[in-house]
């Protein structure tokens, strides 16, 4: 019983770390629950999804990650674009900068 509690908390920690990094809580929970130490280490070392550049699908207009080969909405095969859209983190930082500047003015 104690082992299941330990597995649960490893899974919870991995899920929270994965969610903070912009990925799926449930997937990282399962990985960290099934393989406790290695799963949590992988969640900690996994990339930050909200720092990834994005692009717009030519088929449906949905904004997807730059590394996606297929649109998750319409299934269109995506070619590498000429230009990329700023990442979610860059857009949020720009908003915070604009908000701070407007409060100071």
C-alpha atoms as a PDB file:
ATOM      1  CA  UNK A   1       0.000   0.000   0.000  1.00  0.00           C
ATOM      2  CA  UNK A   2       2.826   2.404   0.831  1.00  0.00           C
ATOM      3  CA  UNK A   3       4.372   1.692  -2.566  1.00  0.00           C
ATOM      4  CA  UNK A   4       1.158   2.821  -4.323  1.00  0.00           C
ATOM      5  CA  UNK A   5       1.207   6.065  -2.340  1.00  0.00           C
ATOM      6  CA  UNK A   6       4.804   6.687  -3.414  1.00  0.00           C
ATOM      7  CA  UNK A   7       3.898   5.915  -7.033  1.00  0.00           C
ATOM      8  CA  UNK A   8       0.920   8.287  -6.820  1.00  0.00           C
ATOM      9  CA  UNK A   9       3.050  11.161  -5.555  1.00  0.00           C
ATOM     10  CA  UNK A  10       5.720  10.559  -8.209  1.00  0.00           C
ATOM     11  CA  UNK A  11       2.933  10.568 -10.795  1.00  0.00           C
ATOM     12  CA  UNK A  12       1.455  13.744  -9.345  1.00  0.00           C
ATOM     13  CA  UNK A  13       4.834  15.489  -9.343  1.00  0.00           C
ATOM     14  CA  UNK A  14       5.539  14.436 -12.937  1.00  0.00           C
ATOM     15  CA  UNK A  15       2.083  15.550 -14.044  1.00  0.00           C
ATOM     16  CA  UNK A  16       2.435  18.956 -12.417  1.00  0.00           C
ATOM     17  CA  UNK A  17       5.895  19.503 -13.928  1.00  0.00           C
ATOM     18  CA  UNK A  18       4.622  18.446 -17.353  1.00  0.00           C
ATOM     19  CA  UNK A  19       1.629  20.788 -17.099  1.00  0.00           C
ATOM     20  CA  UNK A  20       3.819  23.719 -16.020  1.00  0.00           C
ATOM     21  CA  UNK A  21       5.974  23.110 -19.089  1.00  0.00           C
ATOM     22  CA  UNK A  22       2.874  23.264 -21.315  1.00  0.00           C
ATOM     23  CA  UNK A  23       2.390  19.553 -21.934  1.00  0.00           C
ATOM     24  CA  UNK A  24      -0.297  17.083 -20.877  1.00  0.00           C
ATOM     25  CA  UNK A  25      -0.771  16.493 -17.147  1.00  0.00           C
ATOM     26  CA  UNK A  26      -2.320  13.061 -17.715  1.00  0.00           C
ATOM     27  CA  UNK A  27       0.472  11.726 -19.944  1.00  0.00           C
ATOM     28  CA  UNK A  28       3.226  12.851 -17.567  1.00  0.00           C
ATOM     29  CA  UNK A  29       1.248  11.514 -14.612  1.00  0.00           C
ATOM     30  CA  UNK A  30       1.118   8.070 -16.243  1.00  0.00           C
ATOM     31  CA  UNK A  31       4.792   8.106 -17.221  1.00  0.00           C
ATOM     32  CA  UNK A  32       5.910   9.191 -13.751  1.00  0.00           C
ATOM     33  CA  UNK A  33       3.513   6.762 -12.051  1.00  0.00           C
ATOM     34  CA  UNK A  34       4.652   3.739 -14.089  1.00  0.00           C
ATOM     35  CA  UNK A  35       8.386   4.545 -14.024  1.00  0.00           C
ATOM     36  CA  UNK A  36       8.734   6.727 -10.914  1.00  0.00           C
ATOM     37  CA  UNK A  37      12.259   8.162 -10.785  1.00  0.00           C
ATOM     38  CA  UNK A  38      12.999   8.059 -14.509  1.00  0.00           C
ATOM     39  CA  UNK A  39       9.564   9.428 -15.428  1.00  0.00           C
ATOM     40  CA  UNK A  40       9.925  12.414 -13.118  1.00  0.00           C
ATOM     41  CA  UNK A  41      13.455  13.057 -14.393  1.00  0.00           C
ATOM     42  CA  UNK A  42      12.174  12.972 -17.985  1.00  0.00           C
ATOM     43  CA  UNK A  43       9.400  15.433 -17.106  1.00  0.00           C
ATOM     44  CA  UNK A  44      11.972  17.766 -15.567  1.00  0.00           C
ATOM     45  CA  UNK A  45      14.248  17.541 -18.619  1.00  0.00           C
ATOM     46  CA  UNK A  46      11.445  17.794 -21.205  1.00  0.00           C
ATOM     47  CA  UNK A  47      11.298  20.921 -23.364  1.00  0.00           C
ATOM     48  CA  UNK A  48       9.119  23.922 -22.546  1.00  0.00           C
ATOM     49  CA  UNK A  49       6.262  23.712 -25.070  1.00  0.00           C
ATOM     50  CA  UNK A  50       5.248  27.324 -24.551  1.00  0.00           C
ATOM     51  CA  UNK A  51       8.716  28.448 -25.764  1.00  0.00           C
ATOM     52  CA  UNK A  52       8.313  26.681 -29.129  1.00  0.00           C
ATOM     53  CA  UNK A  53       7.804  28.793 -32.249  1.00  0.00           C
ATOM     54  CA  UNK A  54       4.457  28.365 -34.001  1.00  0.00           C
ATOM     55  CA  UNK A  55       2.968  28.534 -37.497  1.00  0.00           C
ATOM     56  CA  UNK A  56      -0.459  28.830 -39.062  1.00  0.00           C
ATOM     57  CA  UNK A  57      -2.013  25.920 -40.934  1.00  0.00           C
ATOM     58  CA  UNK A  58      -2.764  26.890 -44.553  1.00  0.00           C
ATOM     59  CA  UNK A  59      -5.790  24.568 -44.593  1.00  0.00           C
ATOM     60  CA  UNK A  60      -7.777  25.658 -41.542  1.00  0.00           C
ATOM     61  CA  UNK A  61      -5.847  28.587 -40.077  1.00  0.00           C
ATOM     62  CA  UNK A  62      -5.172  26.934 -36.713  1.00  0.00           C
ATOM     63  CA  UNK A  63      -1.913  27.950 -35.039  1.00  0.00           C
ATOM     64  CA  UNK A  64       0.244  24.860 -34.360  1.00  0.00           C
ATOM     65  CA  UNK A  65       3.780  24.271 -33.117  1.00  0.00           C
ATOM     66  CA  UNK A  66       6.539  24.729 -35.680  1.00  0.00           C
ATOM     67  CA  UNK A  67       7.774  21.142 -35.250  1.00  0.00           C
ATOM     68  CA  UNK A  68       4.347  19.606 -36.053  1.00  0.00           C
ATOM     69  CA  UNK A  69       4.294  17.786 -39.400  1.00  0.00           C
ATOM     70  CA  UNK A  70       0.486  17.501 -39.539  1.00  0.00           C
ATOM     71  CA  UNK A  71      -2.225  19.926 -38.460  1.00  0.00           C
ATOM     72  CA  UNK A  72      -3.986  18.478 -35.419  1.00  0.00           C
ATOM     73  CA  UNK A  73      -7.272  20.054 -36.518  1.00  0.00           C
ATOM     74  CA  UNK A  74      -7.675  19.249 -40.226  1.00  0.00           C
ATOM     75  CA  UNK A  75      -4.840  16.760 -40.914  1.00  0.00           C
ATOM     76  CA  UNK A  76      -3.110  18.904 -43.570  1.00  0.00           C
ATOM     77  CA  UNK A  77       0.537  17.973 -44.128  1.00  0.00           C
ATOM     78  CA  UNK A  78       2.597  21.019 -43.205  1.00  0.00           C
ATOM     79  CA  UNK A  79       5.682  22.215 -45.064  1.00  0.00           C
ATOM     80  CA  UNK A  80       8.367  24.212 -43.264  1.00  0.00           C
ATOM     81  CA  UNK A  81       7.213  27.859 -43.376  1.00  0.00           C
ATOM     82  CA  UNK A  82       9.106  30.933 -44.570  1.00  0.00           C
ATOM     83  CA  UNK A  83       8.247  32.780 -41.350  1.00  0.00           C
ATOM     84  CA  UNK A  84       7.210  31.632 -37.904  1.00  0.00           C
ATOM     85  CA  UNK A  85       4.813  33.082 -35.349  1.00  0.00           C
ATOM     86  CA  UNK A  86       6.203  34.105 -31.964  1.00  0.00           C
ATOM     87  CA  UNK A  87       5.988  31.570 -29.169  1.00  0.00           C
ATOM     88  CA  UNK A  88       3.338  31.755 -26.468  1.00  0.00           C
ATOM     89  CA  UNK A  89       5.994  32.830 -23.948  1.00  0.00           C
ATOM     90  CA  UNK A  90       7.180  35.677 -26.195  1.00  0.00           C
ATOM     91  CA  UNK A  91       3.615  36.909 -26.721  1.00  0.00           C
ATOM     92  CA  UNK A  92       2.929  36.816 -22.964  1.00  0.00           C
ATOM     93  CA  UNK A  93       6.167  38.702 -22.226  1.00  0.00           C
ATOM     94  CA  UNK A  94       5.245  41.379 -24.777  1.00  0.00           C
ATOM     95  CA  UNK A  95       1.802  41.753 -23.168  1.00  0.00           C
ATOM     96  CA  UNK A  96       3.345  42.144 -19.717  1.00  0.00           C
ATOM     97  CA  UNK A  97       5.768  44.773 -21.048  1.00  0.00           C
ATOM     98  CA  UNK A  98       2.940  46.728 -22.700  1.00  0.00           C
ATOM     99  CA  UNK A  99       0.798  46.490 -19.557  1.00  0.00           C
ATOM    100  CA  UNK A 100       3.662  47.713 -17.352  1.00  0.00           C
ATOM    101  CA  UNK A 101       4.332  50.611 -19.747  1.00  0.00           C
ATOM    102  CA  UNK A 102       0.673  51.643 -19.766  1.00  0.00           C
ATOM    103  CA  UNK A 103       0.499  51.573 -15.958  1.00  0.00           C
ATOM    104  CA  UNK A 104       3.568  53.813 -15.678  1.00  0.00           C
ATOM    105  CA  UNK A 105       2.211  56.356 -18.177  1.00  0.00           C
END
